[in-house]
PDB file of N, CA and C in Angstrom:
ATOM      1  N   MET A   1     -23.377  13.347 -14.532  1.00  0.00           N
ATOM      2  CA  MET A   1     -23.279  11.904 -14.021  1.00  0.00           C
ATOM      3  C   MET A   1     -22.117  11.479 -12.994  1.00  0.00           C
ATOM      4  N   ARG A   2     -22.744  10.964 -12.538  1.00  0.00           N
ATOM      5  CA  ARG A   2     -21.788  10.335 -11.090  1.00  0.00           C
ATOM      6  C   ARG A   2     -21.105   9.248 -10.961  1.00  0.00           C
ATOM      7  N   TYR A   3     -20.185   9.370 -10.520  1.00  0.00           N
ATOM      8  CA  TYR A   3     -19.003   8.603 -10.592  1.00  0.00           C
ATOM      9  C   TYR A   3     -18.092   8.044  -9.584  1.00  0.00           C
ATOM     10  N   MET A   4     -18.236   6.390  -8.916  1.00  0.00           N
ATOM     11  CA  MET A   4     -17.089   6.356  -8.182  1.00  0.00           C
ATOM     12  C   MET A   4     -15.698   6.743  -8.537  1.00  0.00           C
ATOM     13  N   MET A   5     -14.687   6.637  -7.751  1.00  0.00           N
ATOM     14  CA  MET A   5     -13.470   7.050  -8.287  1.00  0.00           C
ATOM     15  C   MET A   5     -12.861   6.128  -7.247  1.00  0.00           C
ATOM     16  N   LEU A   6     -12.488   4.616  -7.510  1.00  0.00           N
ATOM     17  CA  LEU A   6     -11.396   3.586  -7.037  1.00  0.00           C
ATOM     18  C   LEU A   6     -10.393   3.716  -6.768  1.00  0.00           C
ATOM     19  N   ILE A   7      -9.667   4.572  -5.889  1.00  0.00           N
ATOM     20  CA  ILE A   7      -7.822   4.870  -5.880  1.00  0.00           C
ATOM     21  C   ILE A   7      -7.494   2.880  -4.967  1.00  0.00           C
ATOM     22  N   HIS A   8      -6.770   2.776  -6.182  1.00  0.00           N
ATOM     23  CA  HIS A   8      -5.815   1.017  -6.015  1.00  0.00           C
ATOM     24  C   HIS A   8      -4.222   1.778  -6.025  1.00  0.00           C
ATOM     25  N   HIS A   9      -3.416   2.107  -4.861  1.00  0.00           N
ATOM     26  CA  HIS A   9      -1.883   1.801  -4.955  1.00  0.00           C
ATOM     27  C   HIS A   9      -1.186   0.755  -4.327  1.00  0.00           C
ATOM     28  N   ASP A  10      -0.157   1.177  -4.688  1.00  0.00           N
ATOM     29  CA  ASP A  10       1.258   0.236  -3.536  1.00  0.00           C
ATOM     30  C   ASP A  10       1.684   0.745  -2.438  1.00  0.00           C
ATOM     31  N   GLU A  11       1.133  -0.104  -1.351  1.00  0.00           N
ATOM     32  CA  GLU A  11       1.268   0.526  -0.307  1.00  0.00           C
ATOM     33  C   GLU A  11       2.766   0.877   0.300  1.00  0.00           C
ATOM     34  N   PRO A  12       3.590  -0.052  -0.387  1.00  0.00           N
ATOM     35  CA  PRO A  12       4.776   0.408  -0.180  1.00  0.00           C
ATOM     36  C   PRO A  12       5.465   1.812  -0.960  1.00  0.00           C
ATOM     37  N   ALA A  13       4.796   1.266  -2.108  1.00  0.00           N
ATOM     38  CA  ALA A  13       5.376   3.040  -2.973  1.00  0.00           C
ATOM     39  C   ALA A  13       5.116   4.510  -2.267  1.00  0.00           C
ATOM     40  N   MET A  14       3.553   4.180  -1.520  1.00  0.00           N
ATOM     41  CA  MET A  14       3.022   5.136  -0.881  1.00  0.00           C
ATOM     42  C   MET A  14       3.822   5.736   0.148  1.00  0.00           C
ATOM     43  N   ALA A  15       4.037   4.554   1.114  1.00  0.00           N
ATOM     44  CA  ALA A  15       4.420   4.642   2.736  1.00  0.00           C
ATOM     45  C   ALA A  15       6.366   5.495   1.979  1.00  0.00           C
ATOM     46  N   ALA A  16       6.386   5.235   0.880  1.00  0.00           N
ATOM     47  CA  ALA A  16       7.957   5.582   0.881  1.00  0.00           C
ATOM     48  C   ALA A  16       7.975   7.184   0.038  1.00  0.00           C
ATOM     49  N   ALA A  17       6.981   7.572  -0.169  1.00  0.00           N
ATOM     50  CA  ALA A  17       6.837   8.738  -0.449  1.00  0.00           C
ATOM     51  C   ALA A  17       7.195   9.726   0.196  1.00  0.00           C
ATOM     52  N   ASP A  18       7.577  10.803  -0.562  1.00  0.00           N
ATOM     53  CA  ASP A  18       7.492  12.056   0.922  1.00  0.00           C
ATOM     54  C   ASP A  18       6.178  12.449   1.504  1.00  0.00           C
ATOM     55  N   GLN A  19       5.585  12.177   2.681  1.00  0.00           N
ATOM     56  CA  GLN A  19       4.557  12.586   3.404  1.00  0.00           C
ATOM     57  C   GLN A  19       3.862  13.817   3.663  1.00  0.00           C
ATOM     58  N   LYS A  20       4.836  14.762   3.831  1.00  0.00           N
ATOM     59  CA  LYS A  20       4.330  16.050   3.598  1.00  0.00           C
ATOM     60  C   LYS A  20       3.547  16.640   2.578  1.00  0.00           C
ATOM     61  N   GLN A  21       4.632  16.524   1.448  1.00  0.00           N
ATOM     62  CA  GLN A  21       4.202  16.652   0.376  1.00  0.00           C
ATOM     63  C   GLN A  21       3.260  16.019  -0.114  1.00  0.00           C
ATOM     64  N   LEU A  22       2.684  14.507  -0.073  1.00  0.00           N
ATOM     65  CA  LEU A  22       1.468  13.828  -0.141  1.00  0.00           C
ATOM     66  C   LEU A  22       0.766  14.244   0.574  1.00  0.00           C
ATOM     67  N   TRP A  23       0.654  14.481   1.432  1.00  0.00           N
ATOM     68  CA  TRP A  23      -0.478  15.503   1.965  1.00  0.00           C
ATOM     69  C   TRP A  23      -1.025  16.461   1.746  1.00  0.00           C
ATOM     70  N   GLN A  24       0.045  17.660   1.497  1.00  0.00           N
ATOM     71  CA  GLN A  24      -0.369  18.791   0.563  1.00  0.00           C
ATOM     72  C   GLN A  24      -0.903  18.489  -0.601  1.00  0.00           C
ATOM     73  N   ASP A  25      -0.338  18.138  -1.109  1.00  0.00           N
ATOM     74  CA  ASP A  25      -1.517  17.873  -2.701  1.00  0.00           C
ATOM     75  C   ASP A  25      -2.816  16.998  -2.582  1.00  0.00           C
ATOM     76  N   TYR A  26      -2.850  16.098  -1.925  1.00  0.00           N
ATOM     77  CA  TYR A  26      -3.922  15.389  -1.270  1.00  0.00           C
ATOM     78  C   TYR A  26      -4.830  16.759  -1.019  1.00  0.00           C
ATOM     79  N   ALA A  27      -4.194  17.735  -0.100  1.00  0.00           N
ATOM     80  CA  ALA A  27      -5.025  19.241   0.504  1.00  0.00           C
ATOM     81  C   ALA A  27      -5.315  19.745  -0.486  1.00  0.00           C
ATOM     82  N   ALA A  28      -5.074  19.779  -1.527  1.00  0.00           N
ATOM     83  CA  ALA A  28      -4.936  21.016  -2.673  1.00  0.00           C
ATOM     84  C   ALA A  28      -6.188  20.090  -3.731  1.00  0.00           C
ATOM     85  N   PHE A  29      -5.863  18.723  -3.969  1.00  0.00           N
ATOM     86  CA  PHE A  29      -6.623  18.072  -4.764  1.00  0.00           C
ATOM     87  C   PHE A  29      -8.146  18.475  -4.179  1.00  0.00           C
ATOM     88  N   ASN A  30      -8.183  18.024  -2.845  1.00  0.00           N
ATOM     89  CA  ASN A  30      -9.245  17.971  -2.557  1.00  0.00           C
ATOM     90  C   ASN A  30     -10.600  19.450  -2.543  1.00  0.00           C
ATOM     91  N   GLU A  31      -9.479  20.347  -1.944  1.00  0.00           N
ATOM     92  CA  GLU A  31      -9.741  21.588  -2.231  1.00  0.00           C
ATOM     93  C   GLU A  31     -10.047  22.252  -3.732  1.00  0.00           C
ATOM     94  N   ALA A  32      -9.545  21.578  -4.629  1.00  0.00           N
ATOM     95  CA  ALA A  32      -9.846  22.216  -5.707  1.00  0.00           C
ATOM     96  C   ALA A  32     -11.481  20.695  -6.718  1.00  0.00           C
ATOM     97  N   LEU A  33     -11.069  20.095  -5.825  1.00  0.00           N
ATOM     98  CA  LEU A  33     -12.606  19.039  -5.590  1.00  0.00           C
ATOM     99  C   LEU A  33     -13.467  19.460  -5.369  1.00  0.00           C
ATOM    100  N   ALA A  34     -13.900  19.902  -4.376  1.00  0.00           N
ATOM    101  CA  ALA A  34     -14.567  20.097  -3.762  1.00  0.00           C
ATOM    102  C   ALA A  34     -15.130  21.754  -4.635  1.00  0.00           C
ATOM    103  N   LYS A  35     -14.068  22.711  -4.774  1.00  0.00           N
ATOM    104  CA  LYS A  35     -14.365  24.261  -5.113  1.00  0.00           C
ATOM    105  C   LYS A  35     -15.177  24.028  -6.720  1.00  0.00           C
ATOM    106  N   ALA A  36     -15.027  22.774  -7.660  1.00  0.00           N
ATOM    107  CA  ALA A  36     -15.095  22.611  -8.834  1.00  0.00           C
ATOM    108  C   ALA A  36     -16.046  21.806  -9.036  1.00  0.00           C
ATOM    109  N   THR A  37     -16.535  20.690  -8.531  1.00  0.00           N
ATOM    110  CA  THR A  37     -17.573  19.549  -8.508  1.00  0.00           C
ATOM    111  C   THR A  37     -18.777  19.576  -7.102  1.00  0.00           C
ATOM    112  N   GLY A  38     -17.993  20.492  -6.440  1.00  0.00           N
ATOM    113  CA  GLY A  38     -19.135  20.168  -4.773  1.00  0.00           C
ATOM    114  C   GLY A  38     -18.528  19.273  -4.373  1.00  0.00           C
ATOM    115  N   ALA A  39     -18.086  18.095  -4.677  1.00  0.00           N
ATOM    116  CA  ALA A  39     -17.878  16.734  -3.734  1.00  0.00           C
ATOM    117  C   ALA A  39     -17.293  17.408  -2.616  1.00  0.00           C
ATOM    118  N   SER A  40     -17.018  15.965  -1.981  1.00  0.00           N
ATOM    119  CA  SER A  40     -16.154  16.407  -0.705  1.00  0.00           C
ATOM    120  C   SER A  40     -15.380  15.475  -0.723  1.00  0.00           C
ATOM    121  N   SER A  41     -14.315  15.348  -0.191  1.00  0.00           N
ATOM    122  CA  SER A  41     -13.411  14.502   0.076  1.00  0.00           C
ATOM    123  C   SER A  41     -13.564  13.040   0.446  1.00  0.00           C
ATOM    124  N   GLY A  42     -12.836  12.460  -0.634  1.00  0.00           N
ATOM    125  CA  GLY A  42     -12.877  11.015  -0.071  1.00  0.00           C
ATOM    126  C   GLY A  42     -12.716  10.128   0.791  1.00  0.00           C
ATOM    127  N   GLU A  43     -12.790   9.286   1.109  1.00  0.00           N
ATOM    128  CA  GLU A  43     -12.673   8.278   2.314  1.00  0.00           C
ATOM    129  C   GLU A  43     -11.185   6.906   2.530  1.00  0.00           C
ATOM    130  N   ARG A  44      -9.907   7.439   2.765  1.00  0.00           N
ATOM    131  CA  ARG A  44      -9.331   6.381   3.102  1.00  0.00           C
ATOM    132  C   ARG A  44      -9.663   5.657   4.024  1.00  0.00           C
ATOM    133  N   LEU A  45      -9.262   4.361   3.866  1.00  0.00           N
ATOM    134  CA  LEU A  45      -9.176   2.942   4.356  1.00  0.00           C
ATOM    135  C   LEU A  45      -7.959   2.364   4.701  1.00  0.00           C
ATOM    136  N   GLU A  46      -8.097   1.808   6.340  1.00  0.00           N
ATOM    137  CA  GLU A  46      -6.713   1.404   6.421  1.00  0.00           C
ATOM    138  C   GLU A  46      -6.031   0.611   5.535  1.00  0.00           C
ATOM    139  N   PRO A  47      -4.609   0.039   5.677  1.00  0.00           N
ATOM    140  CA  PRO A  47      -4.146  -0.266   4.834  1.00  0.00           C
ATOM    141  C   PRO A  47      -4.687  -1.774   4.957  1.00  0.00           C
ATOM    142  N   ALA A  48      -4.463  -2.623   3.619  1.00  0.00           N
ATOM    143  CA  ALA A  48      -5.352  -4.445   3.227  1.00  0.00           C
ATOM    144  C   ALA A  48      -4.535  -5.271   4.533  1.00  0.00           C
ATOM    145  N   GLY A  49      -3.458  -5.019   5.316  1.00  0.00           N
ATOM    146  CA  GLY A  49      -3.175  -5.842   6.231  1.00  0.00           C
ATOM    147  C   GLY A  49      -4.366  -6.099   6.943  1.00  0.00           C
ATOM    148  N   LYS A  50      -5.085  -5.165   7.298  1.00  0.00           N
ATOM    149  CA  LYS A  50      -6.276  -4.998   8.126  1.00  0.00           C
ATOM    150  C   LYS A  50      -7.613  -5.329   7.857  1.00  0.00           C
ATOM    151  N   ALA A  51      -7.509  -5.827   6.781  1.00  0.00           N
ATOM    152  CA  ALA A  51      -8.872  -6.131   6.069  1.00  0.00           C
ATOM    153  C   ALA A  51      -9.265  -7.585   6.526  1.00  0.00           C
ATOM    154  N   THR A  52     -10.281  -7.897   6.599  1.00  0.00           N
ATOM    155  CA  THR A  52     -11.067  -9.191   7.152  1.00  0.00           C
ATOM    156  C   THR A  52     -11.708  -9.422   5.447  1.00  0.00           C
ATOM    157  N   THR A  53     -11.867 -10.660   4.901  1.00  0.00           N
ATOM    158  CA  THR A  53     -12.711 -10.877   3.811  1.00  0.00           C
ATOM    159  C   THR A  53     -13.048 -12.335   3.895  1.00  0.00           C
ATOM    160  N   ILE A  54     -14.626 -12.212   3.707  1.00  0.00           N
ATOM    161  CA  ILE A  54     -15.320 -13.211   3.931  1.00  0.00           C
ATOM    162  C   ILE A  54     -15.886 -13.855   2.119  1.00  0.00           C
ATOM    163  N   ARG A  55     -15.826 -15.000   2.491  1.00  0.00           N
ATOM    164  CA  ARG A  55     -15.951 -15.947   1.367  1.00  0.00           C
ATOM    165  C   ARG A  55     -16.346 -17.398   1.565  1.00  0.00           C
ATOM    166  N   THR A  56     -17.848 -17.097   0.638  1.00  0.00           N
ATOM    167  CA  THR A  56     -18.818 -18.409   0.647  1.00  0.00           C
ATOM    168  C   THR A  56     -19.171 -19.343   0.027  1.00  0.00           C
ATOM    169  N   LEU A  57     -18.741 -20.131  -0.416  1.00  0.00           N
ATOM    170  CA  LEU A  57     -18.798 -21.274  -1.536  1.00  0.00           C
ATOM    171  C   LEU A  57     -20.029 -22.115  -0.546  1.00  0.00           C
ATOM    172  N   GLY A  58     -20.788 -22.169  -1.277  1.00  0.00           N
ATOM    173  CA  GLY A  58     -21.478 -24.231  -1.677  1.00  0.00           C
ATOM    174  C   GLY A  58     -22.083 -23.154  -0.152  1.00  0.00           C
ATOM    175  N   GLU A  59     -21.999 -24.491   1.096  1.00  0.00           N
ATOM    176  CA  GLU A  59     -22.268 -24.407   2.122  1.00  0.00           C
ATOM    177  C   GLU A  59     -21.140 -23.439   3.321  1.00  0.00           C
ATOM    178  N   LYS A  60     -19.700 -23.742   2.898  1.00  0.00           N
ATOM    179  CA  LYS A  60     -19.020 -23.460   3.819  1.00  0.00           C
ATOM    180  C   LYS A  60     -18.768 -21.712   3.561  1.00  0.00           C
ATOM    181  N   THR A  61     -18.515 -21.140   4.603  1.00  0.00           N
ATOM    182  CA  THR A  61     -17.879 -19.826   4.497  1.00  0.00           C
ATOM    183  C   THR A  61     -16.205 -19.493   5.419  1.00  0.00           C
ATOM    184  N   GLU A  62     -15.897 -18.986   4.447  1.00  0.00           N
ATOM    185  CA  GLU A  62     -14.422 -18.854   4.792  1.00  0.00           C
ATOM    186  C   GLU A  62     -14.511 -17.424   5.292  1.00  0.00           C
ATOM    187  N   VAL A  63     -13.531 -17.437   6.448  1.00  0.00           N
ATOM    188  CA  VAL A  63     -12.937 -15.985   6.967  1.00  0.00           C
ATOM    189  C   VAL A  63     -11.406 -15.792   6.872  1.00  0.00           C
ATOM    190  N   LEU A  64     -11.255 -15.159   6.155  1.00  0.00           N
ATOM    191  CA  LEU A  64      -9.741 -14.939   5.621  1.00  0.00           C
ATOM    192  C   LEU A  64      -8.758 -13.465   6.113  1.00  0.00           C
ATOM    193  N   ASP A  65      -7.829 -13.249   6.849  1.00  0.00           N
ATOM    194  CA  ASP A  65      -7.160 -12.472   7.221  1.00  0.00           C
ATOM    195  C   ASP A  65      -6.450 -11.484   6.411  1.00  0.00           C
ATOM    196  N   GLY A  66      -7.044 -10.333   5.679  1.00  0.00           N
ATOM    197  CA  GLY A  66      -6.291 -10.306   4.967  1.00  0.00           C
ATOM    198  C   GLY A  66      -7.149  -9.548   3.627  1.00  0.00           C
ATOM    199  N   PRO A  67      -6.481  -8.914   2.542  1.00  0.00           N
ATOM    200  CA  PRO A  67      -7.058  -8.859   1.264  1.00  0.00           C
ATOM    201  C   PRO A  67      -7.743  -9.985   0.463  1.00  0.00           C
ATOM    202  N   TYR A  68      -8.856  -9.712  -0.236  1.00  0.00           N
ATOM    203  CA  TYR A  68      -9.160 -10.739  -1.354  1.00  0.00           C
ATOM    204  C   TYR A  68      -8.343 -11.263  -2.042  1.00  0.00           C
ATOM    205  N   ALA A  69      -7.146 -10.325  -2.915  1.00  0.00           N
ATOM    206  CA  ALA A  69      -6.207 -10.462  -3.703  1.00  0.00           C
ATOM    207  C   ALA A  69      -4.943 -10.345  -3.156  1.00  0.00           C
ATOM    208  N   ASP A  70      -4.231 -11.395  -3.664  1.00  0.00           N
ATOM    209  CA  ASP A  70      -2.712 -10.625  -2.996  1.00  0.00           C
ATOM    210  C   ASP A  70      -2.381 -10.073  -4.458  1.00  0.00           C
ATOM    211  N   THR A  71      -2.207  -8.762  -4.698  1.00  0.00           N
ATOM    212  CA  THR A  71      -1.625  -8.128  -5.807  1.00  0.00           C
ATOM    213  C   THR A  71      -0.897  -6.477  -5.482  1.00  0.00           C
ATOM    214  N   LYS A  72       0.226  -6.149  -5.751  1.00  0.00           N
ATOM    215  CA  LYS A  72       0.738  -5.227  -5.706  1.00  0.00           C
ATOM    216  C   LYS A  72       0.334  -4.069  -5.201  1.00  0.00           C
ATOM    217  N   GLU A  73      -1.003  -3.831  -5.701  1.00  0.00           N
ATOM    218  CA  GLU A  73      -1.634  -2.540  -5.685  1.00  0.00           C
ATOM    219  C   GLU A  73      -3.130  -3.098  -4.906  1.00  0.00           C
ATOM    220  N   GLN A  74      -3.477  -2.267  -3.776  1.00  0.00           N
ATOM    221  CA  GLN A  74      -4.800  -2.758  -3.215  1.00  0.00           C
ATOM    222  C   GLN A  74      -5.504  -1.567  -2.735  1.00  0.00           C
ATOM    223  N   PHE A  75      -6.892  -1.873  -2.586  1.00  0.00           N
ATOM    224  CA  PHE A  75      -8.052  -0.854  -2.421  1.00  0.00           C
ATOM    225  C   PHE A  75      -7.725  -0.414  -1.350  1.00  0.00           C
ATOM    226  N   ALA A  76      -7.309   1.273  -1.782  1.00  0.00           N
ATOM    227  CA  ALA A  76      -7.057   1.968  -0.634  1.00  0.00           C
ATOM    228  C   ALA A  76      -7.900   3.273  -0.504  1.00  0.00           C
ATOM    229  N   GLY A  77      -8.962   3.636  -0.893  1.00  0.00           N
ATOM    230  CA  GLY A  77     -10.236   4.189  -1.016  1.00  0.00           C
ATOM    231  C   GLY A  77     -10.761   4.666  -1.746  1.00  0.00           C
ATOM    232  N   TYR A  78     -11.941   5.684  -1.676  1.00  0.00           N
ATOM    233  CA  TYR A  78     -12.551   6.192  -3.063  1.00  0.00           C
ATOM    234  C   TYR A  78     -13.088   7.642  -2.660  1.00  0.00           C
ATOM    235  N   PHE A  79     -13.931   7.850  -3.630  1.00  0.00           N
ATOM    236  CA  PHE A  79     -14.142   9.677  -3.503  1.00  0.00           C
ATOM    237  C   PHE A  79     -15.313   9.772  -4.956  1.00  0.00           C
ATOM    238  N   PHE A  80     -15.693  10.599  -4.927  1.00  0.00           N
ATOM    239  CA  PHE A  80     -16.961  10.669  -5.892  1.00  0.00           C
ATOM    240  C   PHE A  80     -17.195  12.202  -6.607  1.00  0.00           C
ATOM    241  N   VAL A  81     -17.391  11.742  -7.828  1.00  0.00           N
ATOM    242  CA  VAL A  81     -17.281  13.339  -8.619  1.00  0.00           C
ATOM    243  C   VAL A  81     -18.980  13.464  -9.344  1.00  0.00           C
ATOM    244  N   ASP A  82     -19.194  14.673  -9.848  1.00  0.00           N
ATOM    245  CA  ASP A  82     -20.511  14.519 -10.559  1.00  0.00           C
ATOM    246  C   ASP A  82     -20.162  15.456 -11.273  1.00  0.00           C
ATOM    247  N   VAL A  83     -20.071  14.937 -12.171  1.00  0.00           N
ATOM    248  CA  VAL A  83     -19.326  15.757 -13.553  1.00  0.00           C
ATOM    249  C   VAL A  83     -20.028  15.000 -14.881  1.00  0.00           C
ATOM    250  N   PRO A  84     -20.350  16.076 -16.039  1.00  0.00           N
ATOM    251  CA  PRO A  84     -20.914  16.286 -16.905  1.00  0.00           C
ATOM    252  C   PRO A  84     -20.556  14.532 -17.807  1.00  0.00           C
ATOM    253  N   THR A  85     -18.891  14.433 -18.200  1.00  0.00           N
ATOM    254  CA  THR A  85     -18.945  13.679 -19.267  1.00  0.00           C
ATOM    255  C   THR A  85     -17.475  12.333 -18.120  1.00  0.00           C
ATOM    256  N   LEU A  86     -17.833  11.729 -18.900  1.00  0.00           N
ATOM    257  CA  LEU A  86     -16.214  10.653 -18.735  1.00  0.00           C
ATOM    258  C   LEU A  86     -14.838  11.108 -18.622  1.00  0.00           C
ATOM    259  N   GLU A  87     -14.861  11.739 -19.861  1.00  0.00           N
ATOM    260  CA  GLU A  87     -13.423  12.988 -19.670  1.00  0.00           C
ATOM    261  C   GLU A  87     -12.854  13.699 -18.390  1.00  0.00           C
ATOM    262  N   GLU A  88     -14.578  14.446 -18.235  1.00  0.00           N
ATOM    263  CA  GLU A  88     -14.011  15.090 -17.233  1.00  0.00           C
ATOM    264  C   GLU A  88     -13.830  14.016 -15.957  1.00  0.00           C
ATOM    265  N   ALA A  89     -14.422  13.053 -15.732  1.00  0.00           N
ATOM    266  CA  ALA A  89     -13.917  11.885 -14.367  1.00  0.00           C
ATOM    267  C   ALA A  89     -12.656  11.506 -14.538  1.00  0.00           C
ATOM    268  N   VAL A  90     -11.890  11.437 -15.701  1.00  0.00           N
ATOM    269  CA  VAL A  90     -10.877  10.781 -16.184  1.00  0.00           C
ATOM    270  C   VAL A  90      -9.574  12.297 -15.503  1.00  0.00           C
ATOM    271  N   ALA A  91      -9.935  12.673 -15.984  1.00  0.00           N
ATOM    272  CA  ALA A  91      -9.297  14.816 -15.905  1.00  0.00           C
ATOM    273  C   ALA A  91      -8.836  14.806 -14.597  1.00  0.00           C
ATOM    274  N   TRP A  92      -9.839  14.596 -13.834  1.00  0.00           N
ATOM    275  CA  TRP A  92      -9.709  14.758 -11.810  1.00  0.00           C
ATOM    276  C   TRP A  92      -9.155  13.088 -11.304  1.00  0.00           C
ATOM    277  N   ALA A  93      -9.303  11.791 -12.073  1.00  0.00           N
ATOM    278  CA  ALA A  93      -8.686  11.045 -11.624  1.00  0.00           C
ATOM    279  C   ALA A  93      -7.328  11.119 -12.070  1.00  0.00           C
ATOM    280  N   LYS A  94      -6.788  11.705 -12.818  1.00  0.00           N
ATOM    281  CA  LYS A  94      -5.263  12.393 -13.320  1.00  0.00           C
ATOM    282  C   LYS A  94      -4.911  12.722 -12.688  1.00  0.00           C
ATOM    283  N   ARG A  95      -5.691  13.676 -11.592  1.00  0.00           N
ATOM    284  CA  ARG A  95      -5.187  14.632 -10.673  1.00  0.00           C
ATOM    285  C   ARG A  95      -5.125  14.482  -8.957  1.00  0.00           C
ATOM    286  N   CYS A  96      -5.603  13.258  -9.109  1.00  0.00           N
ATOM    287  CA  CYS A  96      -5.436  12.764  -7.430  1.00  0.00           C
ATOM    288  C   CYS A  96      -4.428  11.833  -7.393  1.00  0.00           C
ATOM    289  N   PRO A  97      -3.693  12.634  -6.318  1.00  0.00           N
ATOM    290  CA  PRO A  97      -1.900  12.424  -5.864  1.00  0.00           C
ATOM    291  C   PRO A  97      -1.633  10.548  -5.765  1.00  0.00           C
ATOM    292  N   SER A  98      -2.804   9.765  -5.369  1.00  0.00           N
ATOM    293  CA  SER A  98      -2.920   7.907  -5.739  1.00  0.00           C
ATOM    294  C   SER A  98      -2.059   7.734  -7.172  1.00  0.00           C
ATOM    295  N   SER A  99      -2.832   8.671  -8.179  1.00  0.00           N
ATOM    296  CA  SER A  99      -2.474   7.692  -9.387  1.00  0.00           C
ATOM    297  C   SER A  99      -1.275   8.161  -9.650  1.00  0.00           C
ATOM    298  N   ARG A 100      -0.456   8.508  -8.917  1.00  0.00           N
ATOM    299  CA  ARG A 100       0.971   8.115  -8.986  1.00  0.00           C
ATOM    300  C   ARG A 100       1.770   6.853  -8.500  1.00  0.00           C
ATOM    301  N   PHE A 101       0.640   6.725  -7.541  1.00  0.00           N
ATOM    302  CA  PHE A 101       1.227   5.269  -7.216  1.00  0.00           C
ATOM    303  C   PHE A 101       0.844   4.011  -6.866  1.00  0.00           C
ATOM    304  N   GLY A 102       0.031   4.023  -8.021  1.00  0.00           N
ATOM    305  CA  GLY A 102      -1.132   3.384  -8.569  1.00  0.00           C
ATOM    306  C   GLY A 102      -2.009   3.372  -9.752  1.00  0.00           C
ATOM    307  N   SER A 103      -3.260   2.943  -9.153  1.00  0.00           N
ATOM    308  CA  SER A 103      -4.574   3.218 -10.469  1.00  0.00           C
ATOM    309  C   SER A 103      -5.314   4.219 -10.005  1.00  0.00           C
ATOM    310  N   ILE A 104      -6.396   4.638 -10.397  1.00  0.00           N
ATOM    311  CA  ILE A 104      -7.436   4.965 -10.034  1.00  0.00           C
ATOM    312  C   ILE A 104      -8.706   4.705 -11.083  1.00  0.00           C
ATOM    313  N   GLU A 105      -9.542   3.517 -10.411  1.00  0.00           N
ATOM    314  CA  GLU A 105     -10.490   2.800 -11.205  1.00  0.00           C
ATOM    315  C   GLU A 105     -12.127   4.138 -11.552  1.00  0.00           C
ATOM    316  N   ILE A 106     -12.340   4.147 -12.614  1.00  0.00           N
ATOM    317  CA  ILE A 106     -13.639   4.649 -12.830  1.00  0.00           C
ATOM    318  C   ILE A 106     -14.893   4.002 -13.514  1.00  0.00           C
ATOM    319  N   ARG A 107     -15.712   4.399 -12.451  1.00  0.00           N
ATOM    320  CA  ARG A 107     -17.387   3.799 -12.441  1.00  0.00           C
ATOM    321  C   ARG A 107     -17.950   4.463 -12.452  1.00  0.00           C
ATOM    322  N   PRO A 108     -19.463   4.683 -13.331  1.00  0.00           N
ATOM    323  CA  PRO A 108     -20.690   5.578 -13.351  1.00  0.00           C
ATOM    324  C   PRO A 108     -21.636   4.467 -12.445  1.00  0.00           C
ATOM    325  N   LEU A 109     -22.089   5.683 -11.745  1.00  0.00           N
ATOM    326  CA  LEU A 109     -23.046   5.148 -10.312  1.00  0.00           C
ATOM    327  C   LEU A 109     -24.305   4.588 -11.358  1.00  0.00           C
ATOM    328  N   HIS A 110     -24.466   3.514 -10.758  1.00  0.00           N
ATOM    329  CA  HIS A 110     -26.141   3.061 -11.359  1.00  0.00           C
ATOM    330  C   HIS A 110     -27.188   3.894 -11.114  1.00  0.00           C
ATOM    331  N   VAL A 111     -28.173   4.018 -11.859  1.00  0.00           N
ATOM    332  CA  VAL A 111     -28.920   4.892 -12.225  1.00  0.00           C
ATOM    333  C   VAL A 111     -30.593   4.242 -11.759  1.00  0.00           C
ATOM    334  N   PRO A 112     -30.723   4.021 -10.742  1.00  0.00           N
ATOM    335  CA  PRO A 112     -31.950   3.133 -10.359  1.00  0.00           C
ATOM    336  C   PRO A 112     -33.166   3.280 -11.200  1.00  0.00           C
ATOM    337  N   GLY A 113     -33.650   1.933 -12.011  1.00  0.00           N
ATOM    338  CA  GLY A 113     -34.708   2.533 -13.078  1.00  0.00           C
ATOM    339  C   GLY A 113     -34.373   2.605 -14.563  1.00  0.00           C
ATOM    340  N   ALA A 114     -32.937   3.125 -14.555  1.00  0.00           N
ATOM    341  CA  ALA A 114     -32.399   3.330 -16.290  1.00  0.00           C
ATOM    342  C   ALA A 114     -32.312   2.395 -17.178  1.00  0.00           C
ATOM    343  N   ASP A 115     -32.388   1.461 -16.559  1.00  0.00           N
ATOM    344  CA  ASP A 115     -31.867   0.176 -17.607  1.00  0.00           C
ATOM    345  C   ASP A 115     -33.817  -0.616 -17.484  1.00  0.00           C
ATOM    346  N   TRP A 116     -34.674  -0.220 -17.206  1.00  0.00           N
ATOM    347  CA  TRP A 116     -36.004  -0.603 -17.241  1.00  0.00           C
ATOM    348  C   TRP A 116     -36.926  -0.031 -18.151  1.00  0.00           C
ATOM    349  N   LYS A 117     -36.773  -0.517 -19.411  1.00  0.00           N
ATOM    350  CA  LYS A 117     -37.636  -0.024 -20.222  1.00  0.00           C
ATOM    351  C   LYS A 117     -38.962  -0.146 -20.900  1.00  0.00           C
TER     352      LYS A 117
END
């Protein structure tokens, strides 16, 4: 089953972390992930302050600077894993360095036609 891991972290906490160690941890994580599952490293996003959010309500469309929600944790990036079980996806999410600074949301990818019976 393919899962998408959505990384949400606290940007100030990440910025305060030992950057050299953090990126060494990420390099090791990405290498282990690729070796074990064949997955490539994920994609990192620019900080939430650089986001632009579009919202359409009825006939009115708003273009907002910044993220959709003002929360402590911001969407920061993602990666995919292809593993047999949710438990294995959870194990990879626990190993992700960003899990120390926020949360990793795991979602199975939709399989087209799987819900058509």
